[in-house]
PDB file of N, CA and C in Angstrom:
ATOM      1  N   MET A   1     174.452 151.509 135.419  1.00  0.00           N
ATOM      2  CA  MET A   1     173.961 152.351 134.111  1.00  0.00           C
ATOM      3  C   MET A   1     174.715 151.890 133.328  1.00  0.00           C
ATOM      4  N   VAL A   2     174.686 151.725 131.402  1.00  0.00           N
ATOM      5  CA  VAL A   2     175.176 151.533 130.184  1.00  0.00           C
ATOM      6  C   VAL A   2     175.624 153.028 129.821  1.00  0.00           C
ATOM      7  N   GLN A   3     176.474 153.349 129.966  1.00  0.00           N
ATOM      8  CA  GLN A   3     177.008 154.838 129.057  1.00  0.00           C
ATOM      9  C   GLN A   3     176.408 154.602 127.320  1.00  0.00           C
ATOM     10  N   THR A   4     175.884 155.302 126.673  1.00  0.00           N
ATOM     11  CA  THR A   4     175.612 154.605 125.264  1.00  0.00           C
ATOM     12  C   THR A   4     175.906 156.064 124.625  1.00  0.00           C
ATOM     13  N   THR A   5     177.053 155.821 123.230  1.00  0.00           N
ATOM     14  CA  THR A   5     177.394 156.676 122.647  1.00  0.00           C
ATOM     15  C   THR A   5     177.463 156.639 121.396  1.00  0.00           C
ATOM     16  N   ALA A   6     176.977 158.120 120.616  1.00  0.00           N
ATOM     17  CA  ALA A   6     177.117 157.623 119.255  1.00  0.00           C
ATOM     18  C   ALA A   6     177.941 158.212 118.395  1.00  0.00           C
ATOM     19  N   ILE A   7     178.727 157.497 117.651  1.00  0.00           N
ATOM     20  CA  ILE A   7     179.929 156.882 116.980  1.00  0.00           C
ATOM     21  C   ILE A   7     179.601 158.138 115.837  1.00  0.00           C
ATOM     22  N   ASP A   8     180.225 159.408 115.663  1.00  0.00           N
ATOM     23  CA  ASP A   8     179.929 160.406 114.871  1.00  0.00           C
ATOM     24  C   ASP A   8     180.977 160.091 113.619  1.00  0.00           C
ATOM     25  N   ARG A   9     180.484 159.272 112.478  1.00  0.00           N
ATOM     26  CA  ARG A   9     181.557 158.948 111.583  1.00  0.00           C
ATOM     27  C   ARG A   9     180.960 157.716 110.863  1.00  0.00           C
ATOM     28  N   PRO A  10     181.555 157.419 109.868  1.00  0.00           N
ATOM     29  CA  PRO A  10     180.630 156.609 109.045  1.00  0.00           C
ATOM     30  C   PRO A  10     181.078 155.236 109.235  1.00  0.00           C
ATOM     31  N   PHE A  11     180.024 154.321 109.663  1.00  0.00           N
ATOM     32  CA  PHE A  11     180.454 152.955 109.828  1.00  0.00           C
ATOM     33  C   PHE A  11     179.896 151.900 109.019  1.00  0.00           C
ATOM     34  N   ASN A  12     181.020 150.850 109.009  1.00  0.00           N
ATOM     35  CA  ASN A  12     180.585 149.605 107.753  1.00  0.00           C
ATOM     36  C   ASN A  12     181.237 148.854 108.688  1.00  0.00           C
ATOM     37  N   LEU A  13     180.498 147.939 108.236  1.00  0.00           N
ATOM     38  CA  LEU A  13     180.467 146.410 108.436  1.00  0.00           C
ATOM     39  C   LEU A  13     181.889 145.476 108.120  1.00  0.00           C
ATOM     40  N   GLN A  14     182.245 146.194 107.520  1.00  0.00           N
ATOM     41  CA  GLN A  14     183.172 145.264 106.537  1.00  0.00           C
ATOM     42  C   GLN A  14     184.556 146.845 106.672  1.00  0.00           C
ATOM     43  N   LEU A  15     185.279 146.277 107.993  1.00  0.00           N
ATOM     44  CA  LEU A  15     185.731 147.032 108.103  1.00  0.00           C
ATOM     45  C   LEU A  15     187.385 146.983 107.858  1.00  0.00           C
ATOM     46  N   LEU A  16     188.102 145.827 107.881  1.00  0.00           N
ATOM     47  CA  LEU A  16     188.638 145.364 106.799  1.00  0.00           C
ATOM     48  C   LEU A  16     188.864 144.509 105.876  1.00  0.00           C
ATOM     49  N   PRO A  17     189.995 144.971 104.767  1.00  0.00           N
ATOM     50  CA  PRO A  17     190.196 144.490 103.868  1.00  0.00           C
ATOM     51  C   PRO A  17     190.536 142.857 103.605  1.00  0.00           C
ATOM     52  N   SER A  18     189.472 142.016 102.834  1.00  0.00           N
ATOM     53  CA  SER A  18     189.605 140.338 102.722  1.00  0.00           C
ATOM     54  C   SER A  18     190.863 139.954 102.603  1.00  0.00           C
ATOM     55  N   SER A  19     191.615 140.832 102.140  1.00  0.00           N
ATOM     56  CA  SER A  19     192.802 139.742 101.894  1.00  0.00           C
ATOM     57  C   SER A  19     193.889 140.961 102.262  1.00  0.00           C
ATOM     58  N   VAL A  20     195.054 140.368 103.159  1.00  0.00           N
ATOM     59  CA  VAL A  20     196.417 141.123 104.054  1.00  0.00           C
ATOM     60  C   VAL A  20     197.288 140.192 103.060  1.00  0.00           C
ATOM     61  N   ALA A  21     198.137 141.721 102.814  1.00  0.00           N
ATOM     62  CA  ALA A  21     199.535 140.910 101.773  1.00  0.00           C
ATOM     63  C   ALA A  21     200.377 140.223 103.148  1.00  0.00           C
ATOM     64  N   SER A  22     201.051 139.181 102.880  1.00  0.00           N
ATOM     65  CA  SER A  22     202.254 139.081 103.939  1.00  0.00           C
ATOM     66  C   SER A  22     203.124 139.767 104.190  1.00  0.00           C
ATOM     67  N   GLY A  23     203.405 139.952 106.047  1.00  0.00           N
ATOM     68  CA  GLY A  23     204.253 141.144 106.700  1.00  0.00           C
ATOM     69  C   GLY A  23     203.135 142.492 106.670  1.00  0.00           C
ATOM     70  N   GLN A  24     202.173 142.749 105.746  1.00  0.00           N
ATOM     71  CA  GLN A  24     201.387 144.191 105.959  1.00  0.00           C
ATOM     72  C   GLN A  24     200.797 143.986 107.613  1.00  0.00           C
ATOM     73  N   VAL A  25     200.482 145.053 107.740  1.00  0.00           N
ATOM     74  CA  VAL A  25     200.067 145.227 108.822  1.00  0.00           C
ATOM     75  C   VAL A  25     198.901 145.923 109.019  1.00  0.00           C
ATOM     76  N   ILE A  26     197.273 145.661 108.745  1.00  0.00           N
ATOM     77  CA  ILE A  26     196.217 147.465 108.788  1.00  0.00           C
ATOM     78  C   ILE A  26     195.634 147.229 110.441  1.00  0.00           C
ATOM     79  N   ASN A  27     195.593 148.340 110.627  1.00  0.00           N
ATOM     80  CA  ASN A  27     195.016 148.583 111.775  1.00  0.00           C
ATOM     81  C   ASN A  27     194.205 149.467 111.953  1.00  0.00           C
ATOM     82  N   PHE A  28     192.959 149.212 112.733  1.00  0.00           N
ATOM     83  CA  PHE A  28     191.644 150.041 112.408  1.00  0.00           C
ATOM     84  C   PHE A  28     190.919 150.331 113.750  1.00  0.00           C
ATOM     85  N   GLU A  29     191.055 151.681 114.182  1.00  0.00           N
ATOM     86  CA  GLU A  29     191.089 152.063 115.389  1.00  0.00           C
ATOM     87  C   GLU A  29     189.077 151.893 115.661  1.00  0.00           C
ATOM     88  N   ILE A  30     188.713 151.575 116.494  1.00  0.00           N
ATOM     89  CA  ILE A  30     187.495 151.646 116.636  1.00  0.00           C
ATOM     90  C   ILE A  30     186.772 152.696 117.713  1.00  0.00           C
ATOM     91  N   VAL A  31     187.117 152.318 118.674  1.00  0.00           N
ATOM     92  CA  VAL A  31     187.142 153.288 120.195  1.00  0.00           C
ATOM     93  C   VAL A  31     188.153 153.994 120.766  1.00  0.00           C
ATOM     94  N   GLU A  32     188.343 155.007 120.849  1.00  0.00           N
ATOM     95  CA  GLU A  32     189.249 155.970 121.870  1.00  0.00           C
ATOM     96  C   GLU A  32     188.598 156.407 122.815  1.00  0.00           C
ATOM     97  N   TYR A  33     189.015 156.698 123.905  1.00  0.00           N
ATOM     98  CA  TYR A  33     188.680 157.281 125.495  1.00  0.00           C
ATOM     99  C   TYR A  33     189.599 158.400 125.691  1.00  0.00           C
ATOM    100  N   THR A  34     189.653 159.634 125.538  1.00  0.00           N
ATOM    101  CA  THR A  34     190.581 160.495 126.041  1.00  0.00           C
ATOM    102  C   THR A  34     190.261 161.281 126.789  1.00  0.00           C
ATOM    103  N   HIS A  35     190.597 161.597 128.411  1.00  0.00           N
ATOM    104  CA  HIS A  35     190.700 162.024 128.989  1.00  0.00           C
ATOM    105  C   HIS A  35     191.661 163.508 129.465  1.00  0.00           C
ATOM    106  N   GLU A  36     191.681 165.074 129.510  1.00  0.00           N
ATOM    107  CA  GLU A  36     192.768 165.568 129.252  1.00  0.00           C
ATOM    108  C   GLU A  36     193.565 165.128 128.751  1.00  0.00           C
ATOM    109  N   GLN A  37     193.892 164.591 127.459  1.00  0.00           N
ATOM    110  CA  GLN A  37     194.777 164.630 126.682  1.00  0.00           C
ATOM    111  C   GLN A  37     195.353 163.384 127.021  1.00  0.00           C
ATOM    112  N   GLN A  38     194.563 162.651 127.257  1.00  0.00           N
ATOM    113  CA  GLN A  38     195.217 161.079 127.950  1.00  0.00           C
ATOM    114  C   GLN A  38     194.476 160.000 127.597  1.00  0.00           C
ATOM    115  N   THR A  39     195.031 158.860 127.084  1.00  0.00           N
ATOM    116  CA  THR A  39     194.154 158.022 125.906  1.00  0.00           C
ATOM    117  C   THR A  39     193.883 157.037 127.246  1.00  0.00           C
ATOM    118  N   LEU A  40     192.477 156.988 127.714  1.00  0.00           N
ATOM    119  CA  LEU A  40     192.277 156.113 129.188  1.00  0.00           C
ATOM    120  C   LEU A  40     192.276 154.927 128.494  1.00  0.00           C
ATOM    121  N   TYR A  41     191.511 154.252 127.209  1.00  0.00           N
ATOM    122  CA  TYR A  41     190.992 153.360 127.177  1.00  0.00           C
ATOM    123  C   TYR A  41     191.111 153.122 125.058  1.00  0.00           C
ATOM    124  N   GLN A  42     191.007 152.098 124.679  1.00  0.00           N
ATOM    125  CA  GLN A  42     191.223 152.029 123.055  1.00  0.00           C
ATOM    126  C   GLN A  42     191.098 150.534 122.541  1.00  0.00           C
ATOM    127  N   GLN A  43     189.915 150.853 122.123  1.00  0.00           N
ATOM    128  CA  GLN A  43     189.932 149.342 121.010  1.00  0.00           C
ATOM    129  C   GLN A  43     190.140 149.600 119.624  1.00  0.00           C
ATOM    130  N   ASN A  44     191.218 148.865 118.813  1.00  0.00           N
ATOM    131  CA  ASN A  44     190.996 147.939 117.282  1.00  0.00           C
ATOM    132  C   ASN A  44     191.072 147.063 117.094  1.00  0.00           C
ATOM    133  N   LEU A  45     190.880 146.645 115.818  1.00  0.00           N
ATOM    134  CA  LEU A  45     190.505 145.851 115.332  1.00  0.00           C
ATOM    135  C   LEU A  45     191.787 145.716 113.964  1.00  0.00           C
ATOM    136  N   MET A  46     192.962 144.766 114.255  1.00  0.00           N
ATOM    137  CA  MET A  46     193.959 144.435 113.250  1.00  0.00           C
ATOM    138  C   MET A  46     194.259 143.250 112.792  1.00  0.00           C
ATOM    139  N   SER A  47     194.522 143.734 111.258  1.00  0.00           N
ATOM    140  CA  SER A  47     194.755 142.506 110.695  1.00  0.00           C
ATOM    141  C   SER A  47     196.109 142.555 110.325  1.00  0.00           C
ATOM    142  N   LEU A  48     196.561 141.256 110.507  1.00  0.00           N
ATOM    143  CA  LEU A  48     198.174 140.886 110.208  1.00  0.00           C
ATOM    144  C   LEU A  48     198.202 140.169 108.953  1.00  0.00           C
ATOM    145  N   GLY A  49     199.296 140.443 107.935  1.00  0.00           N
ATOM    146  CA  GLY A  49     199.241 139.176 107.352  1.00  0.00           C
ATOM    147  C   GLY A  49     200.372 137.546 107.167  1.00  0.00           C
ATOM    148  N   ALA A  50     200.525 137.013 106.911  1.00  0.00           N
ATOM    149  CA  ALA A  50     200.958 135.887 107.003  1.00  0.00           C
ATOM    150  C   ALA A  50     202.566 136.086 106.873  1.00  0.00           C
ATOM    151  N   GLU A  51     203.300 135.668 107.999  1.00  0.00           N
ATOM    152  CA  GLU A  51     204.594 135.769 108.230  1.00  0.00           C
ATOM    153  C   GLU A  51     204.987 137.050 108.593  1.00  0.00           C
ATOM    154  N   THR A  52     203.958 137.512 109.506  1.00  0.00           N
ATOM    155  CA  THR A  52     204.598 138.814 110.121  1.00  0.00           C
ATOM    156  C   THR A  52     205.381 138.982 111.361  1.00  0.00           C
ATOM    157  N   GLN A  53     206.314 139.851 111.732  1.00  0.00           N
ATOM    158  CA  GLN A  53     207.103 139.660 112.591  1.00  0.00           C
ATOM    159  C   GLN A  53     206.834 141.063 113.529  1.00  0.00           C
ATOM    160  N   LEU A  54     206.337 140.865 114.591  1.00  0.00           N
ATOM    161  CA  LEU A  54     206.099 142.009 115.057  1.00  0.00           C
ATOM    162  C   LEU A  54     207.200 142.424 116.281  1.00  0.00           C
ATOM    163  N   PRO A  55     208.039 142.920 116.481  1.00  0.00           N
ATOM    164  CA  PRO A  55     209.630 143.395 117.004  1.00  0.00           C
ATOM    165  C   PRO A  55     208.663 143.904 118.299  1.00  0.00           C
ATOM    166  N   GLU A  56     209.842 143.307 119.194  1.00  0.00           N
ATOM    167  CA  GLU A  56     209.686 143.060 120.659  1.00  0.00           C
ATOM    168  C   GLU A  56     208.248 144.743 120.862  1.00  0.00           C
ATOM    169  N   ILE A  57     207.727 144.628 122.127  1.00  0.00           N
ATOM    170  CA  ILE A  57     206.799 145.266 122.228  1.00  0.00           C
ATOM    171  C   ILE A  57     206.515 145.405 123.327  1.00  0.00           C
ATOM    172  N   CYS A  58     206.757 147.122 124.593  1.00  0.00           N
ATOM    173  CA  CYS A  58     206.103 146.956 125.775  1.00  0.00           C
ATOM    174  C   CYS A  58     205.624 147.827 125.740  1.00  0.00           C
ATOM    175  N   ASP A  59     204.222 147.563 125.972  1.00  0.00           N
ATOM    176  CA  ASP A  59     203.368 148.789 126.219  1.00  0.00           C
ATOM    177  C   ASP A  59     203.142 149.437 127.276  1.00  0.00           C
ATOM    178  N   ASP A  60     202.242 150.593 127.546  1.00  0.00           N
ATOM    179  CA  ASP A  60     201.975 151.418 128.553  1.00  0.00           C
ATOM    180  C   ASP A  60     200.834 151.035 129.809  1.00  0.00           C
ATOM    181  N   LYS A  61     199.839 150.698 128.651  1.00  0.00           N
ATOM    182  CA  LYS A  61     198.780 149.953 129.239  1.00  0.00           C
ATOM    183  C   LYS A  61     198.752 148.662 129.549  1.00  0.00           C
ATOM    184  N   ASP A  62     197.564 148.227 129.793  1.00  0.00           N
ATOM    185  CA  ASP A  62     197.151 147.128 130.014  1.00  0.00           C
ATOM    186  C   ASP A  62     197.000 146.524 128.372  1.00  0.00           C
ATOM    187  N   VAL A  63     196.731 145.365 128.246  1.00  0.00           N
ATOM    188  CA  VAL A  63     196.579 145.086 126.624  1.00  0.00           C
ATOM    189  C   VAL A  63     195.451 143.295 127.144  1.00  0.00           C
ATOM    190  N   THR A  64     194.571 143.468 126.061  1.00  0.00           N
ATOM    191  CA  THR A  64     193.834 141.936 126.054  1.00  0.00           C
ATOM    192  C   THR A  64     193.800 142.130 124.698  1.00  0.00           C
ATOM    193  N   ILE A  65     193.852 140.824 124.230  1.00  0.00           N
ATOM    194  CA  ILE A  65     193.508 140.357 122.835  1.00  0.00           C
ATOM    195  C   ILE A  65     192.674 139.226 122.428  1.00  0.00           C
ATOM    196  N   ALA A  66     191.789 139.086 121.714  1.00  0.00           N
ATOM    197  CA  ALA A  66     191.166 138.105 121.176  1.00  0.00           C
ATOM    198  C   ALA A  66     191.445 137.932 119.730  1.00  0.00           C
ATOM    199  N   VAL A  67     191.244 136.520 119.831  1.00  0.00           N
ATOM    200  CA  VAL A  67     191.496 136.253 118.374  1.00  0.00           C
ATOM    201  C   VAL A  67     190.924 136.247 117.387  1.00  0.00           C
ATOM    202  N   LEU A  68     190.358 136.535 116.284  1.00  0.00           N
ATOM    203  CA  LEU A  68     189.112 136.316 115.763  1.00  0.00           C
ATOM    204  C   LEU A  68     189.524 135.593 113.968  1.00  0.00           C
ATOM    205  N   GLU A  69     190.482 135.228 113.742  1.00  0.00           N
ATOM    206  CA  GLU A  69     190.701 134.215 112.436  1.00  0.00           C
ATOM    207  C   GLU A  69     192.259 134.198 112.189  1.00  0.00           C
ATOM    208  N   GLY A  70     192.794 133.798 112.084  1.00  0.00           N
ATOM    209  CA  GLY A  70     194.184 133.070 111.719  1.00  0.00           C
ATOM    210  C   GLY A  70     195.064 132.287 112.467  1.00  0.00           C
ATOM    211  N   GLN A  71     196.305 132.116 112.722  1.00  0.00           N
ATOM    212  CA  GLN A  71     196.452 131.779 113.772  1.00  0.00           C
ATOM    213  C   GLN A  71     198.674 132.010 113.921  1.00  0.00           C
ATOM    214  N   GLY A  72     198.780 132.472 114.752  1.00  0.00           N
ATOM    215  CA  GLY A  72     200.334 132.519 115.355  1.00  0.00           C
ATOM    216  C   GLY A  72     200.617 132.079 116.409  1.00  0.00           C
ATOM    217  N   ASN A  73     201.954 133.038 116.451  1.00  0.00           N
ATOM    218  CA  ASN A  73     202.678 132.505 117.870  1.00  0.00           C
ATOM    219  C   ASN A  73     202.739 134.094 118.543  1.00  0.00           C
ATOM    220  N   LEU A  74     202.360 134.090 119.933  1.00  0.00           N
ATOM    221  CA  LEU A  74     202.671 135.231 120.879  1.00  0.00           C
ATOM    222  C   LEU A  74     204.040 134.543 122.048  1.00  0.00           C
ATOM    223  N   THR A  75     204.943 135.228 121.998  1.00  0.00           N
ATOM    224  CA  THR A  75     206.041 134.938 123.012  1.00  0.00           C
ATOM    225  C   THR A  75     205.831 136.250 123.970  1.00  0.00           C
ATOM    226  N   LEU A  76     205.713 135.774 125.580  1.00  0.00           N
ATOM    227  CA  LEU A  76     205.279 136.522 126.678  1.00  0.00           C
ATOM    228  C   LEU A  76     206.192 135.745 128.138  1.00  0.00           C
ATOM    229  N   ASN A  77     207.131 136.221 128.563  1.00  0.00           N
ATOM    230  CA  ASN A  77     207.620 135.501 129.619  1.00  0.00           C
ATOM    231  C   ASN A  77     208.447 134.107 129.010  1.00  0.00           C
ATOM    232  N   GLN A  78     209.104 134.745 128.046  1.00  0.00           N
ATOM    233  CA  GLN A  78     210.096 132.755 127.192  1.00  0.00           C
ATOM    234  C   GLN A  78     209.215 132.118 127.058  1.00  0.00           C
ATOM    235  N   GLU A  79     207.603 132.135 126.830  1.00  0.00           N
ATOM    236  CA  GLU A  79     206.267 131.554 126.566  1.00  0.00           C
ATOM    237  C   GLU A  79     205.678 131.836 125.568  1.00  0.00           C
ATOM    238  N   THR A  80     205.803 130.398 124.875  1.00  0.00           N
ATOM    239  CA  THR A  80     204.878 130.870 123.208  1.00  0.00           C
ATOM    240  C   THR A  80     203.639 130.222 123.757  1.00  0.00           C
ATOM    241  N   ILE A  81     202.862 131.197 123.279  1.00  0.00           N
ATOM    242  CA  ILE A  81     201.052 131.116 123.294  1.00  0.00           C
ATOM    243  C   ILE A  81     200.522 131.070 121.778  1.00  0.00           C
ATOM    244  N   LEU A  82     200.134 129.544 121.363  1.00  0.00           N
ATOM    245  CA  LEU A  82     200.002 129.929 120.401  1.00  0.00           C
ATOM    246  C   LEU A  82     198.111 130.317 120.318  1.00  0.00           C
ATOM    247  N   LEU A  83     198.188 131.590 118.984  1.00  0.00           N
ATOM    248  CA  LEU A  83     197.134 132.321 118.522  1.00  0.00           C
ATOM    249  C   LEU A  83     196.139 131.446 117.723  1.00  0.00           C
ATOM    250  N   GLU A  84     194.800 131.280 117.954  1.00  0.00           N
ATOM    251  CA  GLU A  84     193.776 131.177 117.122  1.00  0.00           C
ATOM    252  C   GLU A  84     192.403 131.074 117.738  1.00  0.00           C
ATOM    253  N   PRO A  85     191.694 131.341 116.519  1.00  0.00           N
ATOM    254  CA  PRO A  85     190.405 131.515 116.930  1.00  0.00           C
ATOM    255  C   PRO A  85     189.854 131.184 118.500  1.00  0.00           C
ATOM    256  N   GLY A  86     189.216 132.098 118.719  1.00  0.00           N
ATOM    257  CA  GLY A  86     188.602 132.029 120.193  1.00  0.00           C
ATOM    258  C   GLY A  86     189.726 132.508 121.455  1.00  0.00           C
ATOM    259  N   ARG A  87     191.009 132.257 121.028  1.00  0.00           N
ATOM    260  CA  ARG A  87     191.984 132.423 122.227  1.00  0.00           C
ATOM    261  C   ARG A  87     191.799 133.964 122.663  1.00  0.00           C
ATOM    262  N   PHE A  88     191.900 134.466 124.510  1.00  0.00           N
ATOM    263  CA  PHE A  88     191.681 135.573 124.705  1.00  0.00           C
ATOM    264  C   PHE A  88     192.689 135.812 125.846  1.00  0.00           C
ATOM    265  N   ILE A  89     193.789 136.583 125.384  1.00  0.00           N
ATOM    266  CA  ILE A  89     194.715 136.913 126.238  1.00  0.00           C
ATOM    267  C   ILE A  89     194.931 138.398 126.802  1.00  0.00           C
ATOM    268  N   PHE A  90     195.765 138.294 128.076  1.00  0.00           N
ATOM    269  CA  PHE A  90     195.788 139.299 128.689  1.00  0.00           C
ATOM    270  C   PHE A  90     196.949 139.610 129.247  1.00  0.00           C
ATOM    271  N   ILE A  91     197.560 140.710 129.236  1.00  0.00           N
ATOM    272  CA  ILE A  91     198.948 141.012 128.945  1.00  0.00           C
ATOM    273  C   ILE A  91     199.378 142.518 129.989  1.00  0.00           C
ATOM    274  N   PRO A  92     199.885 142.215 131.172  1.00  0.00           N
ATOM    275  CA  PRO A  92     199.584 143.250 131.705  1.00  0.00           C
ATOM    276  C   PRO A  92     200.762 144.691 130.981  1.00  0.00           C
ATOM    277  N   ALA A  93     200.571 145.820 131.887  1.00  0.00           N
ATOM    278  CA  ALA A  93     200.933 146.891 131.120  1.00  0.00           C
ATOM    279  C   ALA A  93     202.665 146.646 131.558  1.00  0.00           C
ATOM    280  N   GLN A  94     203.650 146.977 130.836  1.00  0.00           N
ATOM    281  CA  GLN A  94     204.658 146.585 130.567  1.00  0.00           C
ATOM    282  C   GLN A  94     205.634 145.166 130.314  1.00  0.00           C
ATOM    283  N   MET A  95     205.175 144.516 130.227  1.00  0.00           N
ATOM    284  CA  MET A  95     205.565 143.395 129.810  1.00  0.00           C
ATOM    285  C   MET A  95     205.567 142.929 128.499  1.00  0.00           C
ATOM    286  N   PRO A  96     207.022 142.450 127.929  1.00  0.00           N
ATOM    287  CA  PRO A  96     207.369 142.968 126.955  1.00  0.00           C
ATOM    288  C   PRO A  96     206.705 141.562 126.456  1.00  0.00           C
ATOM    289  N   HIS A  97     206.939 141.778 124.796  1.00  0.00           N
ATOM    290  CA  HIS A  97     206.520 140.419 124.232  1.00  0.00           C
ATOM    291  C   HIS A  97     206.762 140.915 122.823  1.00  0.00           C
ATOM    292  N   THR A  98     206.175 139.842 121.968  1.00  0.00           N
ATOM    293  CA  THR A  98     206.037 139.683 120.510  1.00  0.00           C
ATOM    294  C   THR A  98     205.221 138.700 119.754  1.00  0.00           C
ATOM    295  N   LEU A  99     204.964 139.057 118.644  1.00  0.00           N
ATOM    296  CA  LEU A  99     203.747 138.203 118.230  1.00  0.00           C
ATOM    297  C   LEU A  99     204.662 138.425 116.613  1.00  0.00           C
ATOM    298  N   GLN A 100     204.334 136.486 116.305  1.00  0.00           N
ATOM    299  CA  GLN A 100     204.526 136.110 114.561  1.00  0.00           C
ATOM    300  C   GLN A 100     203.379 135.611 114.285  1.00  0.00           C
ATOM    301  N   THR A 101     202.395 135.775 113.334  1.00  0.00           N
ATOM    302  CA  THR A 101     201.633 135.233 112.434  1.00  0.00           C
ATOM    303  C   THR A 101     202.450 133.637 111.784  1.00  0.00           C
ATOM    304  N   GLN A 102     201.389 133.197 111.393  1.00  0.00           N
ATOM    305  CA  GLN A 102     201.650 131.838 110.558  1.00  0.00           C
ATOM    306  C   GLN A 102     200.723 132.045 109.216  1.00  0.00           C
ATOM    307  N   THR A 103     199.614 132.798 109.300  1.00  0.00           N
ATOM    308  CA  THR A 103     198.415 132.580 108.270  1.00  0.00           C
ATOM    309  C   THR A 103     197.682 134.344 108.749  1.00  0.00           C
ATOM    310  N   SER A 104     197.296 134.794 107.859  1.00  0.00           N
ATOM    311  CA  SER A 104     196.828 135.880 107.952  1.00  0.00           C
ATOM    312  C   SER A 104     196.345 135.847 109.991  1.00  0.00           C
ATOM    313  N   LEU A 105     195.822 137.063 110.231  1.00  0.00           N
ATOM    314  CA  LEU A 105     195.236 136.940 111.519  1.00  0.00           C
ATOM    315  C   LEU A 105     194.659 137.993 112.200  1.00  0.00           C
ATOM    316  N   VAL A 106     193.395 138.007 112.535  1.00  0.00           N
ATOM    317  CA  VAL A 106     192.721 139.555 112.616  1.00  0.00           C
ATOM    318  C   VAL A 106     192.882 139.274 114.327  1.00  0.00           C
ATOM    319  N   VAL A 107     192.646 140.518 115.156  1.00  0.00           N
ATOM    320  CA  VAL A 107     192.439 140.585 116.383  1.00  0.00           C
ATOM    321  C   VAL A 107     192.140 141.141 116.740  1.00  0.00           C
ATOM    322  N   LEU A 108     191.263 141.220 118.090  1.00  0.00           N
ATOM    323  CA  LEU A 108     190.452 142.819 118.679  1.00  0.00           C
ATOM    324  C   LEU A 108     191.766 143.483 119.603  1.00  0.00           C
ATOM    325  N   LEU A 109     192.310 143.771 119.218  1.00  0.00           N
ATOM    326  CA  LEU A 109     193.104 144.962 120.609  1.00  0.00           C
ATOM    327  C   LEU A 109     192.675 145.967 121.585  1.00  0.00           C
ATOM    328  N   SER A 110     192.255 145.667 122.948  1.00  0.00           N
ATOM    329  CA  SER A 110     192.153 146.673 123.896  1.00  0.00           C
ATOM    330  C   SER A 110     192.837 146.995 124.710  1.00  0.00           C
ATOM    331  N   ARG A 111     193.081 148.309 124.813  1.00  0.00           N
ATOM    332  CA  ARG A 111     194.526 148.883 125.962  1.00  0.00           C
ATOM    333  C   ARG A 111     193.774 149.730 126.868  1.00  0.00           C
ATOM    334  N   CYS A 112     194.308 149.683 127.880  1.00  0.00           N
ATOM    335  CA  CYS A 112     193.204 150.536 129.075  1.00  0.00           C
ATOM    336  C   CYS A 112     194.551 150.914 129.963  1.00  0.00           C
ATOM    337  N   GLU A 113     193.978 151.282 131.043  1.00  0.00           N
ATOM    338  CA  GLU A 113     195.305 152.049 132.128  1.00  0.00           C
ATOM    339  C   GLU A 113     195.224 151.459 132.835  1.00  0.00           C
ATOM    340  N   SER A 114     196.193 151.352 133.448  1.00  0.00           N
ATOM    341  CA  SER A 114     196.703 150.179 134.295  1.00  0.00           C
ATOM    342  C   SER A 114     196.793 150.682 135.921  1.00  0.00           C
ATOM    343  N   ASN A 115     195.828 149.593 136.754  1.00  0.00           N
ATOM    344  CA  ASN A 115     195.638 149.703 138.299  1.00  0.00           C
ATOM    345  C   ASN A 115     197.309 149.920 138.731  1.00  0.00           C
ATOM    346  N   SER A 116     198.340 150.401 139.125  1.00  0.00           N
ATOM    347  CA  SER A 116     199.614 149.864 138.824  1.00  0.00           C
ATOM    348  C   SER A 116     199.975 149.706 140.778  1.00  0.00           C
ATOM    349  N   GLY A 117     198.715 149.540 141.205  1.00  0.00           N
ATOM    350  CA  GLY A 117     198.585 148.914 142.574  1.00  0.00           C
ATOM    351  C   GLY A 117     197.981 147.465 142.588  1.00  0.00           C
ATOM    352  N   LEU A 118     197.524 147.150 141.926  1.00  0.00           N
ATOM    353  CA  LEU A 118     197.162 145.715 141.612  1.00  0.00           C
ATOM    354  C   LEU A 118     199.015 144.514 140.950  1.00  0.00           C
ATOM    355  N   PRO A 119     199.150 143.634 142.154  1.00  0.00           N
ATOM    356  CA  PRO A 119     199.885 143.067 141.210  1.00  0.00           C
ATOM    357  C   PRO A 119     199.333 141.684 139.925  1.00  0.00           C
ATOM    358  N   GLU A 120     199.635 142.130 139.111  1.00  0.00           N
ATOM    359  CA  GLU A 120     198.679 141.706 137.956  1.00  0.00           C
ATOM    360  C   GLU A 120     199.759 140.835 136.583  1.00  0.00           C
ATOM    361  N   LYS A 121     199.233 139.619 136.534  1.00  0.00           N
ATOM    362  CA  LYS A 121     200.030 138.518 135.899  1.00  0.00           C
ATOM    363  C   LYS A 121     198.859 138.791 134.172  1.00  0.00           C
ATOM    364  N   ALA A 122     200.146 138.014 133.561  1.00  0.00           N
ATOM    365  CA  ALA A 122     199.533 137.638 132.466  1.00  0.00           C
ATOM    366  C   ALA A 122     198.483 136.065 132.180  1.00  0.00           C
ATOM    367  N   TRP A 123     197.481 136.055 131.322  1.00  0.00           N
ATOM    368  CA  TRP A 123     196.877 134.563 131.587  1.00  0.00           C
ATOM    369  C   TRP A 123     196.172 134.549 130.268  1.00  0.00           C
ATOM    370  N   SER A 124     195.854 133.496 130.056  1.00  0.00           N
ATOM    371  CA  SER A 124     195.161 133.102 128.474  1.00  0.00           C
ATOM    372  C   SER A 124     194.405 132.430 128.579  1.00  0.00           C
ATOM    373  N   ILE A 125     193.161 132.533 127.805  1.00  0.00           N
ATOM    374  CA  ILE A 125     192.049 131.460 128.352  1.00  0.00           C
ATOM    375  C   ILE A 125     191.461 131.032 126.596  1.00  0.00           C
ATOM    376  N   THR A 126     190.936 129.812 125.805  1.00  0.00           N
ATOM    377  CA  THR A 126     190.461 129.900 125.228  1.00  0.00           C
ATOM    378  C   THR A 126     189.418 129.514 125.696  1.00  0.00           C
ATOM    379  N   LEU A 127     187.992 130.699 124.619  1.00  0.00           N
ATOM    380  CA  LEU A 127     186.431 130.537 124.380  1.00  0.00           C
ATOM    381  C   LEU A 127     186.459 128.898 123.730  1.00  0.00           C
TER     382      LEU A 127
END
């Protein structure tokens, strides 16, 4: 059975500005599921300006990134992955990574609780 939830806030299809300045990051939270003051699942739409360099990130949750627009590079385990529309990437919790944009980049970012009992590996596919 699919759980359906009404969003109790205004919704606008134009979630992000049409242009983002170089080095600027805009983060719009779409969904957050919290249980007993702990965030279990979160989904954000992010827009990053051209030539944006994010510092090394080591998230405590599993992360998936779906690239919607633009180009950039994700460095993960000393491997550089080209970010382009249609690229879908999974990054297990506690795996350090960096991101640098070449052009403006729009991604759908999902974070969820990790299952520490499973040996997870990073992977990437192009749809």
